[in-house]
Amino acid sequence: MAYEGKIYTFDSQENFDEYLRHMGVTDEEVIKKYATFKSTAQLKKEGNKYRYITRSSEGNNDVVFESGVEIDDVGLGGKPVKCVYTVYGNTVIQVGNTGKVIGTIIREFSEDLLKMTMILSSWDGVAYRYYKA
């Protein structure tokens, strides 16, 4: 896993504002804030668990998970969400359920790029965020 432990820095995005609207974010200022959110992302393996780390000026987040095991996570705005993260080689698939919306985030890691594909059960669109190593 050449990407393990590597820090990826946000570079660009597509359709992320619409994704946020369909996640239930209605305040345009909040959408603008999240849509311009610059962060770093990192994945580390720790024994049989993984740690997905995000850092930004807005705050830090560490999620520790075991592949395929449901965890209690925190979504946008601090809302609780049940998530399952599954690791397949260089891909981490996160499926989250808020009770109202099911969201899937597919993170594809390579030597120099992290591509995030975001899908919602309540929306027929797709959003992308790209991070460079």
C-alpha atoms as a PDB file:
ATOM      1  CA  MET A   1       0.000   0.000   0.000  1.00  0.00           C
ATOM      2  CA  ALA A   2       2.162   2.818  -1.303  1.00  0.00           C
ATOM      3  CA  TYR A   3      -0.497   5.366  -0.349  1.00  0.00           C
ATOM      4  CA  GLU A   4      -0.639   4.312   3.312  1.00  0.00           C
ATOM      5  CA  GLY A   5       0.338   7.183   5.592  1.00  0.00           C
ATOM      6  CA  LYS A   6       0.715   9.590   2.673  1.00  0.00           C
ATOM      7  CA  ILE A   7      -0.870  13.024   3.136  1.00  0.00           C
ATOM      8  CA  TYR A   8      -3.183  14.177   0.335  1.00  0.00           C
ATOM      9  CA  THR A   9      -4.123  17.862   0.010  1.00  0.00           C
ATOM     10  CA  PHE A  10      -7.434  19.056  -1.420  1.00  0.00           C
ATOM     11  CA  ASP A  11      -7.118  20.216  -5.025  1.00  0.00           C
ATOM     12  CA  SER A  12     -10.528  20.471  -6.726  1.00  0.00           C
ATOM     13  CA  GLN A  13     -14.127  19.276  -6.768  1.00  0.00           C
ATOM     14  CA  GLU A  14     -17.138  18.756  -8.999  1.00  0.00           C
ATOM     15  CA  ASN A  15     -20.817  19.112  -8.055  1.00  0.00           C
ATOM     16  CA  PHE A  16     -20.071  19.204  -4.316  1.00  0.00           C
ATOM     17  CA  ASP A  17     -22.472  22.075  -3.592  1.00  0.00           C
ATOM     18  CA  GLU A  18     -25.381  20.074  -5.049  1.00  0.00           C
ATOM     19  CA  TYR A  19     -24.299  17.067  -3.002  1.00  0.00           C
ATOM     20  CA  LEU A  20     -24.486  19.207   0.141  1.00  0.00           C
ATOM     21  CA  ARG A  21     -27.963  20.478  -0.762  1.00  0.00           C
ATOM     22  CA  HIS A  22     -29.190  16.911  -1.185  1.00  0.00           C
ATOM     23  CA  MET A  23     -27.590  15.994   2.153  1.00  0.00           C
ATOM     24  CA  GLY A  24     -30.065  18.437   3.663  1.00  0.00           C
ATOM     25  CA  VAL A  25     -27.824  21.489   4.066  1.00  0.00           C
ATOM     26  CA  THR A  26     -30.078  24.464   3.305  1.00  0.00           C
ATOM     27  CA  ASP A  27     -28.047  27.462   4.505  1.00  0.00           C
ATOM     28  CA  GLU A  28     -26.186  28.867   1.480  1.00  0.00           C
ATOM     29  CA  GLU A  29     -23.404  30.266   3.691  1.00  0.00           C
ATOM     30  CA  VAL A  30     -22.817  26.808   5.151  1.00  0.00           C
ATOM     31  CA  ILE A  31     -22.826  25.289   1.654  1.00  0.00           C
ATOM     32  CA  LYS A  32     -20.282  27.883   0.528  1.00  0.00           C
ATOM     33  CA  LYS A  33     -18.126  27.121   3.577  1.00  0.00           C
ATOM     34  CA  TYR A  34     -18.159  23.352   2.989  1.00  0.00           C
ATOM     35  CA  ALA A  35     -17.728  23.754  -0.780  1.00  0.00           C
ATOM     36  CA  THR A  36     -14.571  25.836  -0.280  1.00  0.00           C
ATOM     37  CA  PHE A  37     -13.345  23.617   2.553  1.00  0.00           C
ATOM     38  CA  LYS A  38      -9.641  22.910   2.054  1.00  0.00           C
ATOM     39  CA  SER A  39      -8.328  19.916   3.937  1.00  0.00           C
ATOM     40  CA  THR A  40      -5.798  17.127   4.000  1.00  0.00           C
ATOM     41  CA  ALA A  41      -6.582  13.424   4.157  1.00  0.00           C
ATOM     42  CA  GLN A  42      -4.503  10.469   5.258  1.00  0.00           C
ATOM     43  CA  LEU A  43      -5.128   6.739   5.752  1.00  0.00           C
ATOM     44  CA  LYS A  44      -3.056   4.692   8.200  1.00  0.00           C
ATOM     45  CA  LYS A  45      -3.218   0.990   9.028  1.00  0.00           C
ATOM     46  CA  GLU A  46      -2.919   0.172  12.733  1.00  0.00           C
ATOM     47  CA  GLY A  47      -2.980  -3.585  13.287  1.00  0.00           C
ATOM     48  CA  ASN A  48      -6.337  -4.868  12.035  1.00  0.00           C
ATOM     49  CA  LYS A  49      -7.823  -1.351  12.091  1.00  0.00           C
ATOM     50  CA  TYR A  50      -7.481   1.764   9.965  1.00  0.00           C
ATOM     51  CA  ARG A  51      -7.372   5.439  10.870  1.00  0.00           C
ATOM     52  CA  TYR A  52      -8.704   7.978   8.348  1.00  0.00           C
ATOM     53  CA  ILE A  53      -7.421  11.420   9.313  1.00  0.00           C
ATOM     54  CA  THR A  54      -8.618  14.781   8.007  1.00  0.00           C
ATOM     55  CA  ARG A  55      -7.099  18.116   8.986  1.00  0.00           C
ATOM     56  CA  SER A  56      -8.187  21.653   8.137  1.00  0.00           C
ATOM     57  CA  SER A  57      -8.482  25.139   9.544  1.00  0.00           C
ATOM     58  CA  GLU A  58     -12.110  24.265  10.404  1.00  0.00           C
ATOM     59  CA  GLY A  59     -11.123  21.322  12.590  1.00  0.00           C
ATOM     60  CA  ASN A  60      -9.646  17.863  12.681  1.00  0.00           C
ATOM     61  CA  ASN A  61     -11.285  14.472  12.463  1.00  0.00           C
ATOM     62  CA  ASP A  62      -9.940  10.981  13.086  1.00  0.00           C
ATOM     63  CA  VAL A  63     -12.092   7.951  12.307  1.00  0.00           C
ATOM     64  CA  VAL A  64     -10.855   4.573  13.502  1.00  0.00           C
ATOM     65  CA  PHE A  65     -12.517   1.593  11.861  1.00  0.00           C
ATOM     66  CA  GLU A  66     -12.174  -2.082  11.118  1.00  0.00           C
ATOM     67  CA  SER A  67     -12.996  -3.042   7.538  1.00  0.00           C
ATOM     68  CA  GLY A  68     -16.601  -4.203   7.235  1.00  0.00           C
ATOM     69  CA  VAL A  69     -17.615  -3.407  10.835  1.00  0.00           C
ATOM     70  CA  GLU A  70     -20.331  -0.821  11.564  1.00  0.00           C
ATOM     71  CA  ILE A  71     -19.312   2.154  13.704  1.00  0.00           C
ATOM     72  CA  ASP A  72     -20.996   5.233  15.124  1.00  0.00           C
ATOM     73  CA  ASP A  73     -19.649   8.202  13.188  1.00  0.00           C
ATOM     74  CA  VAL A  74     -20.383  11.911  12.953  1.00  0.00           C
ATOM     75  CA  GLY A  75     -21.673  13.467   9.736  1.00  0.00           C
ATOM     76  CA  LEU A  76     -22.141  17.026   8.514  1.00  0.00           C
ATOM     77  CA  GLY A  77     -23.089  19.421  11.251  1.00  0.00           C
ATOM     78  CA  GLY A  78     -22.220  16.885  13.940  1.00  0.00           C
ATOM     79  CA  LYS A  79     -25.173  14.634  13.145  1.00  0.00           C
ATOM     80  CA  PRO A  80     -24.784  10.993  14.229  1.00  0.00           C
ATOM     81  CA  VAL A  81     -24.529   8.460  11.422  1.00  0.00           C
ATOM     82  CA  LYS A  82     -24.009   4.696  11.325  1.00  0.00           C
ATOM     83  CA  CYS A  83     -21.161   3.875   8.931  1.00  0.00           C
ATOM     84  CA  VAL A  84     -19.431   0.854   7.511  1.00  0.00           C
ATOM     85  CA  TYR A  85     -16.001   1.370   5.963  1.00  0.00           C
ATOM     86  CA  THR A  86     -14.772  -1.470   3.757  1.00  0.00           C
ATOM     87  CA  VAL A  87     -11.230  -1.650   2.398  1.00  0.00           C
ATOM     88  CA  TYR A  88     -10.606  -3.289  -0.990  1.00  0.00           C
ATOM     89  CA  GLY A  89      -6.932  -2.887  -1.904  1.00  0.00           C
ATOM     90  CA  ASN A  90      -6.454   0.818  -2.667  1.00  0.00           C
ATOM     91  CA  THR A  91     -10.167   1.633  -2.314  1.00  0.00           C
ATOM     92  CA  VAL A  92     -12.117   2.487   0.843  1.00  0.00           C
ATOM     93  CA  ILE A  93     -15.905   2.430   0.531  1.00  0.00           C
ATOM     94  CA  GLN A  94     -17.857   4.234   3.240  1.00  0.00           C
ATOM     95  CA  VAL A  95     -21.602   3.660   3.483  1.00  0.00           C
ATOM     96  CA  GLY A  96     -23.398   5.896   5.962  1.00  0.00           C
ATOM     97  CA  ASN A  97     -27.012   5.854   7.087  1.00  0.00           C
ATOM     98  CA  THR A  98     -28.545   8.832   8.896  1.00  0.00           C
ATOM     99  CA  GLY A  99     -31.961   7.189   9.049  1.00  0.00           C
ATOM    100  CA  LYS A 100     -33.140   9.524   6.275  1.00  0.00           C
ATOM    101  CA  VAL A 101     -30.400   9.322   3.651  1.00  0.00           C
ATOM    102  CA  ILE A 102     -27.899   6.635   2.722  1.00  0.00           C
ATOM    103  CA  GLY A 103     -24.638   8.049   1.445  1.00  0.00           C
ATOM    104  CA  THR A 104     -21.733   6.267  -0.187  1.00  0.00           C
ATOM    105  CA  ILE A 105     -18.238   7.709  -0.452  1.00  0.00           C
ATOM    106  CA  ILE A 106     -15.710   5.813  -2.539  1.00  0.00           C
ATOM    107  CA  ARG A 107     -12.110   6.821  -1.830  1.00  0.00           C
ATOM    108  CA  GLU A 108      -9.616   5.637  -4.447  1.00  0.00           C
ATOM    109  CA  PHE A 109      -5.987   6.072  -3.424  1.00  0.00           C
ATOM    110  CA  SER A 110      -3.038   6.106  -5.826  1.00  0.00           C
ATOM    111  CA  GLU A 111       0.569   7.287  -5.577  1.00  0.00           C
ATOM    112  CA  ASP A 112      -0.307  10.908  -6.318  1.00  0.00           C
ATOM    113  CA  LEU A 113      -4.112  11.211  -6.132  1.00  0.00           C
ATOM    114  CA  LEU A 114      -7.036  10.552  -3.809  1.00  0.00           C
ATOM    115  CA  LYS A 115     -10.328  10.617  -5.702  1.00  0.00           C
ATOM    116  CA  MET A 116     -13.531  10.758  -3.655  1.00  0.00           C
ATOM    117  CA  THR A 117     -16.781   9.830  -5.394  1.00  0.00           C
ATOM    118  CA  MET A 118     -19.920  10.766  -3.419  1.00  0.00           C
ATOM    119  CA  ILE A 119     -23.388   9.333  -4.028  1.00  0.00           C
ATOM    120  CA  LEU A 120     -26.686   9.754  -2.127  1.00  0.00           C
ATOM    121  CA  SER A 121     -29.860   7.657  -2.085  1.00  0.00           C
ATOM    122  CA  SER A 122     -31.876  10.894  -2.332  1.00  0.00           C
ATOM    123  CA  TRP A 123     -30.072  12.253  -5.403  1.00  0.00           C
ATOM    124  CA  ASP A 124     -29.348  10.981  -8.899  1.00  0.00           C
ATOM    125  CA  GLY A 125     -26.166  13.061  -9.241  1.00  0.00           C
ATOM    126  CA  VAL A 126     -22.550  12.331  -8.340  1.00  0.00           C
ATOM    127  CA  ALA A 127     -20.005  14.615  -6.678  1.00  0.00           C
ATOM    128  CA  TYR A 128     -16.221  14.334  -6.725  1.00  0.00           C
ATOM    129  CA  ARG A 129     -13.406  15.741  -4.609  1.00  0.00           C
ATOM    130  CA  TYR A 130      -9.775  15.373  -5.641  1.00  0.00           C
ATOM    131  CA  TYR A 131      -6.711  15.464  -3.407  1.00  0.00           C
ATOM    132  CA  LYS A 132      -3.076  15.469  -4.542  1.00  0.00           C
ATOM    133  CA  ALA A 133      -0.194  13.854  -2.694  1.00  0.00           C
END
